[in-house]
Amino acid sequence: MLSTMSSARKSNTAFVVGLLLVLHGFFVVTLLVANAPLEKTMGIVQKIFYFHVPCAWLLMLSPSCARLAVWPTCFADQNAVIV
């Protein structure tokens, strides 16, 4: 019972930390886009690149990071006995 409570607490802590990081990210992106200088030719339209280009990179890199995170478990022998 005690281990269940500690894992629930860890899960709660991870959720709160993740939520704080997401909220911080939204705040920082808003400040970066709002305070970015205007480009001479494109004007305010150019500011959208400050948001969409990093999002595109995250979209492309996320599957690779997830694949690398689970790579060790893909080949682990579940029935192996360590002596």
Protein backbone atom coordinates (compact mmCIF):
# COMPACT_ATOMS: atom_id res chain seq x y z
CA MET A 1 0.00 0.00 0.00
CA LEU A 2 2.82 2.36 0.85
CA SER A 3 4.55 1.84 -2.50
CA THR A 4 1.27 2.59 -4.30
CA MET A 5 0.94 5.87 -2.47
CA SER A 6 4.50 6.87 -3.30
CA SER A 7 4.04 6.04 -7.00
CA ALA A 8 0.82 8.09 -7.05
CA ARG A 9 2.69 10.95 -5.42
CA LYS A 10 5.48 10.66 -8.03
CA SER A 11 2.88 10.69 -10.79
CA ASN A 12 1.25 13.78 -9.30
CA THR A 13 4.61 15.51 -9.01
CA ALA A 14 5.49 14.69 -12.61
CA PHE A 15 2.13 16.04 -13.76
CA VAL A 16 2.58 19.30 -11.84
CA VAL A 17 6.13 19.76 -13.12
CA GLY A 18 4.99 19.07 -16.69
CA LEU A 19 2.09 21.51 -16.36
CA LEU A 20 4.41 24.22 -15.02
CA LEU A 21 6.84 23.67 -17.90
CA VAL A 22 4.04 23.93 -20.47
CA LEU A 23 2.68 27.13 -18.90
CA HIS A 24 6.18 28.58 -18.74
CA GLY A 25 6.69 27.69 -22.42
CA PHE A 26 3.50 29.47 -23.46
CA PHE A 27 4.54 32.54 -21.46
CA VAL A 28 8.06 32.61 -22.91
CA VAL A 29 6.87 32.10 -26.52
CA THR A 30 4.39 34.93 -26.12
CA LEU A 31 7.09 37.27 -24.82
CA LEU A 32 9.54 36.28 -27.55
CA VAL A 33 7.06 36.84 -30.36
CA ALA A 34 5.75 40.08 -28.87
CA ASN A 35 9.23 41.54 -28.34
CA ALA A 36 10.78 40.40 -31.61
CA PRO A 37 11.79 43.24 -33.93
CA LEU A 38 9.80 43.89 -37.08
CA GLU A 39 11.48 42.83 -40.30
CA LYS A 40 11.78 45.58 -42.91
CA THR A 41 10.19 43.76 -45.88
CA MET A 42 7.67 41.36 -44.34
CA GLY A 43 6.70 43.33 -41.26
CA ILE A 44 4.60 41.62 -38.60
CA VAL A 45 3.96 38.52 -40.74
CA GLN A 46 7.58 37.45 -40.29
CA LYS A 47 7.06 36.96 -36.54
CA ILE A 48 5.11 33.75 -37.17
CA PHE A 49 8.40 32.05 -38.08
CA TYR A 50 9.60 32.50 -34.49
CA PHE A 51 6.83 30.12 -33.42
CA HIS A 52 6.32 27.71 -36.30
CA VAL A 53 9.93 26.80 -37.09
CA PRO A 54 10.74 25.56 -33.55
CA CYS A 55 7.40 23.71 -33.47
CA ALA A 56 8.28 21.99 -36.74
CA TRP A 57 11.67 20.92 -35.37
CA LEU A 58 10.04 19.52 -32.24
CA LEU A 59 7.51 17.66 -34.36
CA MET A 60 10.29 16.08 -36.42
CA LEU A 61 12.58 15.23 -33.49
CA SER A 62 9.99 13.92 -31.00
CA PRO A 63 9.52 10.46 -32.59
CA SER A 64 13.28 9.94 -32.72
CA CYS A 65 13.67 10.89 -29.04
CA ALA A 66 10.84 8.55 -28.09
CA ARG A 67 12.38 5.75 -30.13
CA LEU A 68 15.74 6.23 -28.41
CA ALA A 69 14.06 6.27 -24.99
CA VAL A 70 12.46 2.85 -25.48
CA TRP A 71 15.32 1.29 -27.47
CA PRO A 72 16.89 -0.54 -24.48
CA THR A 73 13.56 -2.15 -23.58
CA CYS A 74 12.95 -3.45 -27.10
CA PHE A 75 15.72 -6.02 -26.91
CA ALA A 76 15.64 -6.81 -23.21
CA ASP A 77 15.10 -10.47 -22.44
CA GLN A 78 12.23 -10.55 -19.97
CA ASN A 79 12.99 -14.13 -18.86
CA ALA A 80 16.71 -13.66 -18.27
CA VAL A 81 18.03 -14.45 -14.80
CA ILE A 82 20.89 -12.31 -13.52
CA VAL A 83 23.30 -14.35 -11.42
